[in-house]
């Protein structure tokens, strides 16, 4: 059985948070009032904090052997999922250029938050208990972001 490197989940988590921060900084630029600018600045700061958490976890990452039907199964799945669905860097850059309306940015952000949550739920099953507990905390934070974005979306309707 191939040894799974938890560090790879952490590296993907770092990338997800970096791209989330870019998204919220872009949203901040598009916002037309101070309250919305502050809100998106707050979310960008939260993503930066999450990135730091993943960087700390990365420095302590250990190898782990999850049950798989073939070597590398879960890692391949998580990589593909992150590359094609959750905050993919090239898509974020392209889509941010096309998002010039705050409503569209919030809709895009909502979808990315859901995709991040799903990624972290899957990823945590591959980690040792202590690291999985940290991922649970990240999931809770992402859920809070989602709910805050839903509230913002209601004000934009």
Protein backbone atom coordinates (compact mmCIF):
# COMPACT_ATOMS: atom_id res chain seq x y z
CA UNK A 1 0.00 0.00 0.00
CA UNK A 2 1.25 3.46 -0.89
CA UNK A 3 1.88 5.82 2.00
CA UNK A 4 -0.37 8.82 1.81
CA UNK A 5 1.23 12.14 2.57
CA UNK A 6 -1.00 14.34 4.67
CA UNK A 7 1.23 17.20 3.56
CA UNK A 8 -0.41 17.03 0.14
CA UNK A 9 -3.83 17.73 1.63
CA UNK A 10 -2.32 20.66 3.49
CA UNK A 11 -0.74 22.03 0.31
CA UNK A 12 -4.10 21.84 -1.48
CA UNK A 13 -5.73 23.51 1.54
CA UNK A 14 -3.19 26.33 1.34
CA UNK A 15 -3.98 26.82 -2.36
CA UNK A 16 -7.74 26.81 -1.70
CA UNK A 17 -7.32 29.48 0.97
CA UNK A 18 -5.00 31.58 -1.23
CA UNK A 19 -7.55 31.54 -4.04
CA UNK A 20 -10.36 32.33 -1.61
CA UNK A 21 -8.41 35.31 -0.37
CA UNK A 22 -7.99 36.53 -3.98
CA UNK A 23 -11.71 36.16 -4.54
CA UNK A 24 -12.64 38.19 -1.48
CA UNK A 25 -10.08 40.89 -2.23
CA UNK A 26 -11.61 41.18 -5.71
CA UNK A 27 -15.09 41.37 -4.17
CA UNK A 28 -13.84 44.12 -1.86
CA UNK A 29 -12.73 46.15 -4.87
CA UNK A 30 -16.15 45.74 -6.50
CA UNK A 31 -18.12 46.66 -3.39
CA UNK A 32 -19.61 50.11 -3.56
CA UNK A 33 -20.13 50.84 0.12
CA UNK A 34 -17.89 50.71 3.16
CA UNK A 35 -19.92 48.02 4.94
CA UNK A 36 -19.52 45.61 2.01
CA UNK A 37 -15.85 46.51 1.62
CA UNK A 38 -15.31 45.74 5.31
CA UNK A 39 -17.22 42.47 4.99
CA UNK A 40 -15.16 41.20 2.07
CA UNK A 41 -11.97 42.46 3.69
CA UNK A 42 -12.92 40.43 6.77
CA UNK A 43 -13.47 37.29 4.67
CA UNK A 44 -10.14 37.81 2.89
CA UNK A 45 -8.47 38.05 6.30
CA UNK A 46 -10.20 34.86 7.42
CA UNK A 47 -8.87 33.03 4.37
CA UNK A 48 -5.36 34.30 5.19
CA UNK A 49 -5.76 32.95 8.75
CA UNK A 50 -6.89 29.59 7.38
CA UNK A 51 -3.85 29.51 5.12
CA UNK A 52 -1.64 30.01 8.18
CA UNK A 53 -3.40 27.13 9.96
CA UNK A 54 -2.71 24.85 6.99
CA UNK A 55 0.90 26.01 6.87
CA UNK A 56 1.27 25.13 10.56
CA UNK A 57 -0.36 21.76 9.94
CA UNK A 58 1.95 21.20 6.97
CA UNK A 59 4.99 21.67 9.17
CA UNK A 60 3.72 18.83 11.38
CA UNK A 61 2.26 16.58 8.68
CA UNK A 62 2.98 12.90 8.87
CA UNK A 63 2.58 9.94 6.57
CA UNK A 64 -0.56 7.89 6.85
CA UNK A 65 -1.89 4.76 5.17
CA UNK A 66 -5.63 5.10 4.49
CA UNK A 67 -7.62 2.09 3.32
CA UNK A 68 -7.78 2.19 -0.48
CA UNK A 69 -8.94 -0.13 -3.21
CA UNK A 70 -5.79 0.72 -5.18
CA UNK A 71 -2.63 2.69 -4.30
CA UNK A 72 -3.09 6.44 -4.49
CA UNK A 73 -6.87 6.26 -4.93
CA UNK A 74 -7.86 8.93 -2.43
CA UNK A 75 -5.01 11.27 -3.19
CA UNK A 76 -5.81 11.15 -6.90
CA UNK A 77 -9.46 11.89 -6.13
CA UNK A 78 -8.65 14.82 -3.85
CA UNK A 79 -6.17 16.31 -6.29
CA UNK A 80 -8.64 16.07 -9.17
CA UNK A 81 -11.40 17.53 -7.03
CA UNK A 82 -9.28 20.47 -5.90
CA UNK A 83 -7.83 21.11 -9.35
CA UNK A 84 -11.15 21.11 -11.16
CA UNK A 85 -13.74 22.24 -8.67
CA UNK A 86 -12.48 24.03 -5.56
CA UNK A 87 -10.94 27.42 -6.23
CA UNK A 88 -8.82 26.28 -9.19
CA UNK A 89 -6.26 29.03 -9.72
CA UNK A 90 -6.73 29.45 -13.47
CA UNK A 91 -10.52 29.45 -13.16
CA UNK A 92 -10.43 31.94 -10.31
CA UNK A 93 -8.24 34.30 -12.33
CA UNK A 94 -10.42 33.98 -15.44
CA UNK A 95 -13.73 34.16 -13.64
CA UNK A 96 -12.68 37.07 -11.44
CA UNK A 97 -12.00 39.06 -14.59
CA UNK A 98 -15.55 38.32 -15.75
CA UNK A 99 -17.20 39.06 -12.40
CA UNK A 100 -17.95 42.75 -12.37
CA UNK A 101 -21.18 42.65 -10.38
CA UNK A 102 -21.17 42.15 -6.61
CA UNK A 103 -24.18 39.81 -6.81
CA UNK A 104 -22.30 37.52 -9.22
CA UNK A 105 -19.23 37.58 -6.97
CA UNK A 106 -21.29 36.54 -3.96
CA UNK A 107 -22.95 33.73 -5.95
CA UNK A 108 -19.51 32.54 -7.10
CA UNK A 109 -18.18 32.75 -3.54
CA UNK A 110 -21.11 30.71 -2.20
CA UNK A 111 -20.39 27.92 -4.65
CA UNK A 112 -16.67 27.96 -3.83
CA UNK A 113 -17.39 27.81 -0.08
CA UNK A 114 -19.60 24.75 -0.56
CA UNK A 115 -16.94 23.09 -2.70
CA UNK A 116 -14.31 23.87 -0.06
CA UNK A 117 -16.45 22.32 2.66
CA UNK A 118 -16.95 19.17 0.61
CA UNK A 119 -13.22 18.95 -0.09
CA UNK A 120 -12.32 19.31 3.58
CA UNK A 121 -14.92 16.71 4.60
CA UNK A 122 -13.35 14.24 2.17
CA UNK A 123 -9.80 15.20 3.09
CA UNK A 124 -10.24 14.78 6.82
CA UNK A 125 -11.02 11.08 6.39
CA UNK A 126 -7.44 10.62 5.22
CA UNK A 127 -5.77 12.29 8.17
CA UNK A 128 -4.70 11.13 11.61
CA UNK A 129 -7.16 12.07 14.39
CA UNK A 130 -5.40 15.23 15.60
CA UNK A 131 -5.16 16.72 12.14
CA UNK A 132 -8.72 15.68 11.29
CA UNK A 133 -9.91 17.63 14.34
CA UNK A 134 -8.23 20.74 12.96
CA UNK A 135 -9.95 20.19 9.63
CA UNK A 136 -13.29 20.00 11.48
CA UNK A 137 -12.60 23.49 12.82
CA UNK A 138 -11.86 24.70 9.29
CA UNK A 139 -15.13 23.20 8.06
CA UNK A 140 -17.02 25.09 10.77
CA UNK A 141 -15.33 28.33 9.71
CA UNK A 142 -16.20 27.74 6.05
CA UNK A 143 -19.82 27.07 7.03
CA UNK A 144 -19.90 30.39 8.87
CA UNK A 145 -18.58 32.12 5.74
CA UNK A 146 -21.29 30.44 3.70
CA UNK A 147 -24.03 31.65 6.05
CA UNK A 148 -22.65 35.19 6.07
CA UNK A 149 -22.58 35.19 2.27
CA UNK A 150 -26.20 33.96 2.16
CA UNK A 151 -27.15 36.90 4.41
CA UNK A 152 -25.33 39.30 2.10
CA UNK A 153 -27.02 37.81 -0.94
CA UNK A 154 -30.42 38.47 0.66
CA UNK A 155 -29.55 42.15 1.01
CA UNK A 156 -28.60 42.33 -2.67
CA UNK A 157 -31.91 40.95 -3.98
